[in-house]
Amino acid sequence: VQLVESGGGLVQPGGSLRLSCAASGSRFTINAMGWYRQ
């Protein structure tokens, strides 16, 4: 399963962003998805 994130960038305090993660592959079943940060 390949996961590709997008939507990050620079934003001012109080602002908003929407991150996206697209999954692709063959014959896969996703039981859970999540976001982590470091």
PDB file of all heavy atoms in Angstrom:
ATOM      1  N   VAL A   1       0.858  -1.173   0.000  1.00  0.00           N
ATOM      2  CA  VAL A   1       0.000   0.000   0.000  1.00  0.00           C
ATOM      3  C   VAL A   1       0.898   1.228   0.000  1.00  0.00           C
ATOM      4  O   VAL A   1       1.821   1.335   0.820  1.00  0.00           O
ATOM      5  CB  VAL A   1      -0.931   0.032   1.215  1.00  0.00           C
ATOM      6  CG1 VAL A   1      -1.785   1.292   1.201  1.00  0.00           C
ATOM      7  CG2 VAL A   1      -1.813  -1.211   1.231  1.00  0.00           C
ATOM      8  N   GLN A   2       0.626   2.130  -0.912  1.00  0.00           N
ATOM      9  CA  GLN A   2       1.367   3.374  -0.974  1.00  0.00           C
ATOM     10  C   GLN A   2       0.498   4.518  -0.472  1.00  0.00           C
ATOM     11  O   GLN A   2      -0.675   4.616  -0.831  1.00  0.00           O
ATOM     12  CB  GLN A   2       1.840   3.671  -2.399  1.00  0.00           C
ATOM     13  CG  GLN A   2       2.886   2.705  -2.937  1.00  0.00           C
ATOM     14  CD  GLN A   2       2.265   1.404  -3.419  1.00  0.00           C
ATOM     15  OE1 GLN A   2       1.271   1.403  -4.137  1.00  0.00           O
ATOM     16  NE2 GLN A   2       2.868   0.280  -3.016  1.00  0.00           N
ATOM     17  N   LEU A   3       1.076   5.384   0.344  1.00  0.00           N
ATOM     18  CA  LEU A   3       0.378   6.529   0.899  1.00  0.00           C
ATOM     19  C   LEU A   3       1.119   7.797   0.497  1.00  0.00           C
ATOM     20  O   LEU A   3       2.332   7.887   0.680  1.00  0.00           O
ATOM     21  CB  LEU A   3       0.301   6.444   2.425  1.00  0.00           C
ATOM     22  CG  LEU A   3      -0.330   5.181   3.009  1.00  0.00           C
ATOM     23  CD1 LEU A   3      -0.223   5.197   4.534  1.00  0.00           C
ATOM     24  CD2 LEU A   3      -1.792   5.071   2.587  1.00  0.00           C
ATOM     25  N   VAL A   4       0.394   8.761  -0.034  1.00  0.00           N
ATOM     26  CA  VAL A   4       0.982  10.018  -0.460  1.00  0.00           C
ATOM     27  C   VAL A   4       0.231  11.164   0.188  1.00  0.00           C
ATOM     28  O   VAL A   4      -0.966  11.343  -0.047  1.00  0.00           O
ATOM     29  CB  VAL A   4       0.959  10.170  -1.992  1.00  0.00           C
ATOM     30  CG1 VAL A   4       1.572  11.504  -2.396  1.00  0.00           C
ATOM     31  CG2 VAL A   4       1.714   9.029  -2.653  1.00  0.00           C
ATOM     32  N   GLU A   5       0.939  11.954   1.002  1.00  0.00           N
ATOM     33  CA  GLU A   5       0.342  13.096   1.673  1.00  0.00           C
ATOM     34  C   GLU A   5       0.496  14.361   0.837  1.00  0.00           C
ATOM     35  O   GLU A   5       1.439  14.490   0.057  1.00  0.00           O
ATOM     36  CB  GLU A   5       0.987  13.330   3.050  1.00  0.00           C
ATOM     37  CG  GLU A   5       0.960  12.131   3.981  1.00  0.00           C
ATOM     38  CD  GLU A   5       2.270  11.384   4.000  1.00  0.00           C
ATOM     39  OE1 GLU A   5       2.985  11.393   2.966  1.00  0.00           O
ATOM     40  OE2 GLU A   5       2.600  10.783   5.047  1.00  0.00           O
ATOM     41  N   SER A   6      -0.407  15.300   1.046  1.00  0.00           N
ATOM     42  CA  SER A   6      -0.326  16.599   0.404  1.00  0.00           C
ATOM     43  C   SER A   6      -1.090  17.614   1.244  1.00  0.00           C
ATOM     44  O   SER A   6      -1.863  17.243   2.122  1.00  0.00           O
ATOM     45  CB  SER A   6      -0.891  16.561  -1.022  1.00  0.00           C
ATOM     46  OG  SER A   6      -2.266  16.227  -1.023  1.00  0.00           O
ATOM     47  N   GLY A   7      -0.865  18.891   0.975  1.00  0.00           N
ATOM     48  CA  GLY A   7      -1.606  19.946   1.629  1.00  0.00           C
ATOM     49  C   GLY A   7      -0.855  20.715   2.692  1.00  0.00           C
ATOM     50  O   GLY A   7      -1.368  21.712   3.211  1.00  0.00           O
ATOM     51  N   GLY A   8       0.345  20.282   3.030  1.00  0.00           N
ATOM     52  CA  GLY A   8       1.123  20.988   4.028  1.00  0.00           C
ATOM     53  C   GLY A   8       1.664  22.299   3.487  1.00  0.00           C
ATOM     54  O   GLY A   8       1.612  22.575   2.292  1.00  0.00           O
ATOM     55  N   GLY A   9       2.184  23.115   4.389  1.00  0.00           N
ATOM     56  CA  GLY A   9       2.735  24.390   3.989  1.00  0.00           C
ATOM     57  C   GLY A   9       2.877  25.330   5.154  1.00  0.00           C
ATOM     58  O   GLY A   9       2.856  24.924   6.315  1.00  0.00           O
ATOM     59  N   LEU A  10       3.032  26.610   4.838  1.00  0.00           N
ATOM     60  CA  LEU A  10       3.187  27.663   5.835  1.00  0.00           C
ATOM     61  C   LEU A  10       1.857  28.367   6.048  1.00  0.00           C
ATOM     62  O   LEU A  10       1.197  28.765   5.089  1.00  0.00           O
ATOM     63  CB  LEU A  10       4.246  28.664   5.380  1.00  0.00           C
ATOM     64  CG  LEU A  10       4.452  29.911   6.244  1.00  0.00           C
ATOM     65  CD1 LEU A  10       4.968  29.524   7.621  1.00  0.00           C
ATOM     66  CD2 LEU A  10       5.403  30.871   5.549  1.00  0.00           C
ATOM     67  N   VAL A  11       1.475  28.528   7.310  1.00  0.00           N
ATOM     68  CA  VAL A  11       0.225  29.188   7.638  1.00  0.00           C
ATOM     69  C   VAL A  11       0.420  30.022   8.901  1.00  0.00           C
ATOM     70  O   VAL A  11       1.232  29.685   9.758  1.00  0.00           O
ATOM     71  CB  VAL A  11      -0.913  28.156   7.832  1.00  0.00           C
ATOM     72  CG1 VAL A  11      -0.617  27.248   9.014  1.00  0.00           C
ATOM     73  CG2 VAL A  11      -2.255  28.842   7.988  1.00  0.00           C
ATOM     74  N   GLN A  12      -0.312  31.126   9.003  1.00  0.00           N
ATOM     75  CA  GLN A  12      -0.226  31.982  10.182  1.00  0.00           C
ATOM     76  C   GLN A  12      -1.007  31.390  11.348  1.00  0.00           C
ATOM     77  O   GLN A  12      -1.950  30.623  11.148  1.00  0.00           O
ATOM     78  CB  GLN A  12      -0.758  33.376   9.861  1.00  0.00           C
ATOM     79  CG  GLN A  12       0.063  34.140   8.846  1.00  0.00           C
ATOM     80  CD  GLN A  12      -0.439  35.558   8.651  1.00  0.00           C
ATOM     81  OE1 GLN A  12      -1.410  35.989   9.272  1.00  0.00           O
ATOM     82  NE2 GLN A  12       0.230  36.292   7.792  1.00  0.00           N
ATOM     83  N   PRO A  13      -0.620  31.721  12.579  1.00  0.00           N
ATOM     84  CA  PRO A  13      -1.400  31.264  13.731  1.00  0.00           C
ATOM     85  C   PRO A  13      -2.861  31.657  13.594  1.00  0.00           C
ATOM     86  O   PRO A  13      -3.185  32.774  13.189  1.00  0.00           O
ATOM     87  CB  PRO A  13      -0.731  31.975  14.909  1.00  0.00           C
ATOM     88  CG  PRO A  13       0.673  32.190  14.460  1.00  0.00           C
ATOM     89  CD  PRO A  13       0.572  32.484  12.982  1.00  0.00           C
ATOM     90  N   GLY A  14      -3.744  30.723  13.935  1.00  0.00           N
ATOM     91  CA  GLY A  14      -5.170  30.943  13.783  1.00  0.00           C
ATOM     92  C   GLY A  14      -5.716  30.543  12.433  1.00  0.00           C
ATOM     93  O   GLY A  14      -6.940  30.498  12.249  1.00  0.00           O
ATOM     94  N   GLY A  15      -4.840  30.240  11.504  1.00  0.00           N
ATOM     95  CA  GLY A  15      -5.253  29.844  10.174  1.00  0.00           C
ATOM     96  C   GLY A  15      -5.638  28.384  10.091  1.00  0.00           C
ATOM     97  O   GLY A  15      -5.656  27.662  11.088  1.00  0.00           O
ATOM     98  N   SER A  16      -5.937  27.944   8.867  1.00  0.00           N
ATOM     99  CA  SER A  16      -6.398  26.577   8.637  1.00  0.00           C
ATOM    100  C   SER A  16      -5.663  25.933   7.469  1.00  0.00           C
ATOM    101  O   SER A  16      -5.198  26.617   6.548  1.00  0.00           O
ATOM    102  CB  SER A  16      -7.904  26.559   8.339  1.00  0.00           C
ATOM    103  OG  SER A  16      -8.661  27.061   9.422  1.00  0.00           O
ATOM    104  N   LEU A  17      -5.559  24.624   7.523  1.00  0.00           N
ATOM    105  CA  LEU A  17      -5.025  23.814   6.441  1.00  0.00           C
ATOM    106  C   LEU A  17      -5.803  22.511   6.391  1.00  0.00           C
ATOM    107  O   LEU A  17      -6.322  22.051   7.410  1.00  0.00           O
ATOM    108  CB  LEU A  17      -3.541  23.492   6.645  1.00  0.00           C
ATOM    109  CG  LEU A  17      -2.497  24.564   6.357  1.00  0.00           C
ATOM    110  CD1 LEU A  17      -1.113  24.036   6.741  1.00  0.00           C
ATOM    111  CD2 LEU A  17      -2.517  24.960   4.893  1.00  0.00           C
ATOM    112  N   ARG A  18      -5.866  21.916   5.206  1.00  0.00           N
ATOM    113  CA  ARG A  18      -6.438  20.590   5.063  1.00  0.00           C
ATOM    114  C   ARG A  18      -5.420  19.673   4.420  1.00  0.00           C
ATOM    115  O   ARG A  18      -4.988  19.900   3.289  1.00  0.00           O
ATOM    116  CB  ARG A  18      -7.723  20.594   4.229  1.00  0.00           C
ATOM    117  CG  ARG A  18      -8.448  19.236   4.276  1.00  0.00           C
ATOM    118  CD  ARG A  18      -9.710  19.192   3.452  1.00  0.00           C
ATOM    119  NE  ARG A  18      -9.431  19.097   2.021  1.00  0.00           N
ATOM    120  CZ  ARG A  18     -10.310  18.689   1.112  1.00  0.00           C
ATOM    121  NH1 ARG A  18     -11.536  18.333   1.494  1.00  0.00           N
ATOM    122  NH2 ARG A  18      -9.978  18.652  -0.169  1.00  0.00           N
ATOM    123  N   LEU A  19      -5.033  18.649   5.150  1.00  0.00           N
ATOM    124  CA  LEU A  19      -4.107  17.655   4.641  1.00  0.00           C
ATOM    125  C   LEU A  19      -4.871  16.516   3.988  1.00  0.00           C
ATOM    126  O   LEU A  19      -5.955  16.148   4.434  1.00  0.00           O
ATOM    127  CB  LEU A  19      -3.233  17.100   5.766  1.00  0.00           C
ATOM    128  CG  LEU A  19      -2.451  18.107   6.616  1.00  0.00           C
ATOM    129  CD1 LEU A  19      -1.591  17.363   7.630  1.00  0.00           C
ATOM    130  CD2 LEU A  19      -1.607  19.018   5.738  1.00  0.00           C
ATOM    131  N   SER A  20      -4.289  15.951   2.944  1.00  0.00           N
ATOM    132  CA  SER A  20      -4.882  14.822   2.252  1.00  0.00           C
ATOM    133  C   SER A  20      -3.882  13.679   2.194  1.00  0.00           C
ATOM    134  O   SER A  20      -2.681  13.899   2.107  1.00  0.00           O
ATOM    135  CB  SER A  20      -5.295  15.205   0.827  1.00  0.00           C
ATOM    136  OG  SER A  20      -6.256  16.234   0.819  1.00  0.00           O
ATOM    137  N   CYS A  21      -4.391  12.463   2.229  1.00  0.00           N
ATOM    138  CA  CYS A  21      -3.566  11.271   2.100  1.00  0.00           C
ATOM    139  C   CYS A  21      -4.278  10.292   1.185  1.00  0.00           C
ATOM    140  O   CYS A  21      -5.351   9.784   1.534  1.00  0.00           O
ATOM    141  CB  CYS A  21      -3.307  10.638   3.465  1.00  0.00           C
ATOM    142  SG  CYS A  21      -2.411   9.067   3.391  1.00  0.00           S
ATOM    143  N   ALA A  22      -3.690  10.033   0.036  1.00  0.00           N
ATOM    144  CA  ALA A  22      -4.266   9.123  -0.944  1.00  0.00           C
ATOM    145  C   ALA A  22      -3.583   7.766  -0.861  1.00  0.00           C
ATOM    146  O   ALA A  22      -2.354   7.675  -0.913  1.00  0.00           O
ATOM    147  CB  ALA A  22      -4.137   9.702  -2.346  1.00  0.00           C
ATOM    148  N   ALA A  23      -4.379   6.715  -0.742  1.00  0.00           N
ATOM    149  CA  ALA A  23      -3.869   5.354  -0.682  1.00  0.00           C
ATOM    150  C   ALA A  23      -4.040   4.664  -2.024  1.00  0.00           C
ATOM    151  O   ALA A  23      -5.068   4.805  -2.685  1.00  0.00           O
ATOM    152  CB  ALA A  23      -4.593   4.558   0.400  1.00  0.00           C
ATOM    153  N   SER A  24      -3.041   3.901  -2.422  1.00  0.00           N
ATOM    154  CA  SER A  24      -3.114   3.158  -3.666  1.00  0.00           C
ATOM    155  C   SER A  24      -2.407   1.820  -3.509  1.00  0.00           C
ATOM    156  O   SER A  24      -1.573   1.643  -2.624  1.00  0.00           O
ATOM    157  CB  SER A  24      -2.499   3.950  -4.826  1.00  0.00           C
ATOM    158  OG  SER A  24      -1.118   4.187  -4.603  1.00  0.00           O
ATOM    159  N   GLY A  25      -2.736   0.884  -4.374  1.00  0.00           N
ATOM    160  CA  GLY A  25      -2.145  -0.434  -4.328  1.00  0.00           C
ATOM    161  C   GLY A  25      -3.051  -1.445  -4.987  1.00  0.00           C
ATOM    162  O   GLY A  25      -3.941  -1.085  -5.758  1.00  0.00           O
ATOM    163  N   SER A  26      -2.826  -2.715  -4.693  1.00  0.00           N
ATOM    164  CA  SER A  26      -3.601  -3.795  -5.275  1.00  0.00           C
ATOM    165  C   SER A  26      -4.124  -4.726  -4.189  1.00  0.00           C
ATOM    166  O   SER A  26      -3.367  -5.171  -3.317  1.00  0.00           O
ATOM    167  CB  SER A  26      -2.754  -4.587  -6.274  1.00  0.00           C
ATOM    168  OG  SER A  26      -3.487  -5.639  -6.855  1.00  0.00           O
ATOM    169  N   ARG A  27      -5.407  -5.000  -4.247  1.00  0.00           N
ATOM    170  CA  ARG A  27      -6.058  -5.940  -3.336  1.00  0.00           C
ATOM    171  C   ARG A  27      -5.732  -5.647  -1.878  1.00  0.00           C
ATOM    172  O   ARG A  27      -5.227  -6.506  -1.150  1.00  0.00           O
ATOM    173  CB  ARG A  27      -5.670  -7.381  -3.692  1.00  0.00           C
ATOM    174  CG  ARG A  27      -6.126  -7.828  -5.073  1.00  0.00           C
ATOM    175  CD  ARG A  27      -5.748  -9.273  -5.341  1.00  0.00           C
ATOM    176  NE  ARG A  27      -6.200  -9.714  -6.659  1.00  0.00           N
ATOM    177  CZ  ARG A  27      -6.005 -10.929  -7.146  1.00  0.00           C
ATOM    178  NH1 ARG A  27      -5.363 -11.840  -6.416  1.00  0.00           N
ATOM    179  NH2 ARG A  27      -6.447 -11.234  -8.359  1.00  0.00           N
ATOM    180  N   PHE A  28      -6.027  -4.428  -1.470  1.00  0.00           N
ATOM    181  CA  PHE A  28      -5.789  -4.065  -0.085  1.00  0.00           C
ATOM    182  C   PHE A  28      -7.078  -3.664   0.605  1.00  0.00           C
ATOM    183  O   PHE A  28      -8.011  -3.161  -0.026  1.00  0.00           O
ATOM    184  CB  PHE A  28      -4.752  -2.945   0.029  1.00  0.00           C
ATOM    185  CG  PHE A  28      -5.174  -1.631  -0.558  1.00  0.00           C
ATOM    186  CD1 PHE A  28      -5.831  -0.693   0.222  1.00  0.00           C
ATOM    187  CD2 PHE A  28      -4.909  -1.325  -1.878  1.00  0.00           C
ATOM    188  CE1 PHE A  28      -6.214   0.531  -0.311  1.00  0.00           C
ATOM    189  CE2 PHE A  28      -5.287  -0.110  -2.423  1.00  0.00           C
ATOM    190  CZ  PHE A  28      -5.945   0.815  -1.637  1.00  0.00           C
ATOM    191  N   THR A  29      -7.108  -3.895   1.897  1.00  0.00           N
ATOM    192  CA  THR A  29      -8.225  -3.503   2.741  1.00  0.00           C
ATOM    193  C   THR A  29      -7.676  -2.723   3.922  1.00  0.00           C
ATOM    194  O   THR A  29      -6.856  -3.236   4.677  1.00  0.00           O
ATOM    195  CB  THR A  29      -9.008  -4.721   3.248  1.00  0.00           C
ATOM    196  OG1 THR A  29      -9.533  -5.452   2.134  1.00  0.00           O
ATOM    197  CG2 THR A  29     -10.164  -4.283   4.133  1.00  0.00           C
ATOM    198  N   ILE A  30      -8.131  -1.495   4.074  1.00  0.00           N
ATOM    199  CA  ILE A  30      -7.669  -0.636   5.154  1.00  0.00           C
ATOM    200  C   ILE A  30      -8.623  -0.739   6.333  1.00  0.00           C
ATOM    201  O   ILE A  30      -9.825  -0.518   6.185  1.00  0.00           O
ATOM    202  CB  ILE A  30      -7.552   0.818   4.673  1.00  0.00           C
ATOM    203  CG1 ILE A  30      -6.491   0.923   3.582  1.00  0.00           C
ATOM    204  CG2 ILE A  30      -7.217   1.733   5.848  1.00  0.00           C
ATOM    205  CD1 ILE A  30      -6.360   2.303   2.982  1.00  0.00           C
ATOM    206  N   ASN A  31      -8.077  -1.072   7.479  1.00  0.00           N
ATOM    207  CA  ASN A  31      -8.874  -1.192   8.689  1.00  0.00           C
ATOM    208  C   ASN A  31      -8.889   0.095   9.507  1.00  0.00           C
ATOM    209  O   ASN A  31      -9.828   0.335  10.265  1.00  0.00           O
ATOM    210  CB  ASN A  31      -8.368  -2.347   9.545  1.00  0.00           C
ATOM    211  CG  ASN A  31      -8.534  -3.684   8.848  1.00  0.00           C
ATOM    212  OD1 ASN A  31      -9.542  -3.935   8.190  1.00  0.00           O
ATOM    213  ND2 ASN A  31      -7.543  -4.555   8.993  1.00  0.00           N
ATOM    214  N   ALA A  32      -7.856   0.890   9.364  1.00  0.00           N
ATOM    215  CA  ALA A  32      -7.794   2.164  10.068  1.00  0.00           C
ATOM    216  C   ALA A  32      -6.779   3.060   9.383  1.00  0.00           C
ATOM    217  O   ALA A  32      -5.794   2.582   8.818  1.00  0.00           O
ATOM    218  CB  ALA A  32      -7.423   1.973  11.533  1.00  0.00           C
ATOM    219  N   MET A  33      -7.016   4.351   9.426  1.00  0.00           N
ATOM    220  CA  MET A  33      -6.063   5.329   8.931  1.00  0.00           C
ATOM    221  C   MET A  33      -5.907   6.425   9.968  1.00  0.00           C
ATOM    222  O   MET A  33      -6.847   6.722  10.708  1.00  0.00           O
ATOM    223  CB  MET A  33      -6.505   5.929   7.597  1.00  0.00           C
ATOM    224  CG  MET A  33      -6.562   4.929   6.462  1.00  0.00           C
ATOM    225  SD  MET A  33      -6.842   5.701   4.840  1.00  0.00           S
ATOM    226  CE  MET A  33      -5.219   6.436   4.546  1.00  0.00           C
ATOM    227  N   GLY A  34      -4.734   7.002  10.002  1.00  0.00           N
ATOM    228  CA  GLY A  34      -4.493   8.034  10.984  1.00  0.00           C
ATOM    229  C   GLY A  34      -3.426   9.007  10.553  1.00  0.00           C
ATOM    230  O   GLY A  34      -2.751   8.824   9.537  1.00  0.00           O
ATOM    231  N   TRP A  35      -3.319  10.054  11.336  1.00  0.00           N
ATOM    232  CA  TRP A  35      -2.298  11.068  11.139  1.00  0.00           C
ATOM    233  C   TRP A  35      -1.419  11.146  12.373  1.00  0.00           C
ATOM    234  O   TRP A  35      -1.923  11.168  13.504  1.00  0.00           O
ATOM    235  CB  TRP A  35      -2.919  12.442  10.876  1.00  0.00           C
ATOM    236  CG  TRP A  35      -3.577  12.557   9.538  1.00  0.00           C
ATOM    237  CD1 TRP A  35      -4.887  12.353   9.235  1.00  0.00           C
ATOM    238  CD2 TRP A  35      -2.940  12.928   8.311  1.00  0.00           C
ATOM    239  NE1 TRP A  35      -5.122  12.565   7.907  1.00  0.00           N
ATOM    240  CE2 TRP A  35      -3.936  12.912   7.308  1.00  0.00           C
ATOM    241  CE3 TRP A  35      -1.639  13.259   7.962  1.00  0.00           C
ATOM    242  CZ2 TRP A  35      -3.664  13.231   5.977  1.00  0.00           C
ATOM    243  CZ3 TRP A  35      -1.361  13.564   6.635  1.00  0.00           C
ATOM    244  CH2 TRP A  35      -2.366  13.551   5.661  1.00  0.00           C
ATOM    245  N   TYR A  36      -0.125  11.172  12.158  1.00  0.00           N
ATOM    246  CA  TYR A  36       0.860  11.363  13.196  1.00  0.00           C
ATOM    247  C   TYR A  36       1.691  12.581  12.843  1.00  0.00           C
ATOM    248  O   TYR A  36       1.703  13.023  11.694  1.00  0.00           O
ATOM    249  CB  TYR A  36       1.763  10.134  13.330  1.00  0.00           C
ATOM    250  CG  TYR A  36       1.068   8.898  13.869  1.00  0.00           C
ATOM    251  CD1 TYR A  36       0.145   8.194  13.106  1.00  0.00           C
ATOM    252  CD2 TYR A  36       1.341   8.430  15.155  1.00  0.00           C
ATOM    253  CE1 TYR A  36      -0.493   7.068  13.599  1.00  0.00           C
ATOM    254  CE2 TYR A  36       0.713   7.304  15.652  1.00  0.00           C
ATOM    255  CZ  TYR A  36      -0.200   6.628  14.866  1.00  0.00           C
ATOM    256  OH  TYR A  36      -0.823   5.507  15.363  1.00  0.00           O
ATOM    257  N   ARG A  37       2.385  13.125  13.816  1.00  0.00           N
ATOM    258  CA  ARG A  37       3.258  14.251  13.541  1.00  0.00           C
ATOM    259  C   ARG A  37       4.519  14.152  14.378  1.00  0.00           C
ATOM    260  O   ARG A  37       4.529  13.556  15.452  1.00  0.00           O
ATOM    261  CB  ARG A  37       2.551  15.587  13.806  1.00  0.00           C
ATOM    262  CG  ARG A  37       2.217  15.857  15.267  1.00  0.00           C
ATOM    263  CD  ARG A  37       1.397  17.124  15.395  1.00  0.00           C
ATOM    264  NE  ARG A  37       1.090  17.447  16.778  1.00  0.00           N
ATOM    265  CZ  ARG A  37       0.274  18.429  17.152  1.00  0.00           C
ATOM    266  NH1 ARG A  37      -0.316  19.193  16.234  1.00  0.00           N
ATOM    267  NH2 ARG A  37       0.054  18.659  18.434  1.00  0.00           N
ATOM    268  N   GLN A  38       5.571  14.746  13.863  1.00  0.00           N
ATOM    269  CA  GLN A  38       6.842  14.762  14.563  1.00  0.00           C
ATOM    270  C   GLN A  38       7.451  16.148  14.440  1.00  0.00           C
ATOM    271  O   GLN A  38       7.778  16.600  13.341  1.00  0.00           O
ATOM    272  CB  GLN A  38       7.796  13.704  14.007  1.00  0.00           C
ATOM    273  CG  GLN A  38       9.081  13.559  14.795  1.00  0.00           C
ATOM    274  CD  GLN A  38       9.853  12.308  14.418  1.00  0.00           C
ATOM    275  OE1 GLN A  38       9.642  11.735  13.347  1.00  0.00           O
ATOM    276  NE2 GLN A  38      10.735  11.871  15.294  1.00  0.00           N
TER     277      GLN A  38
END
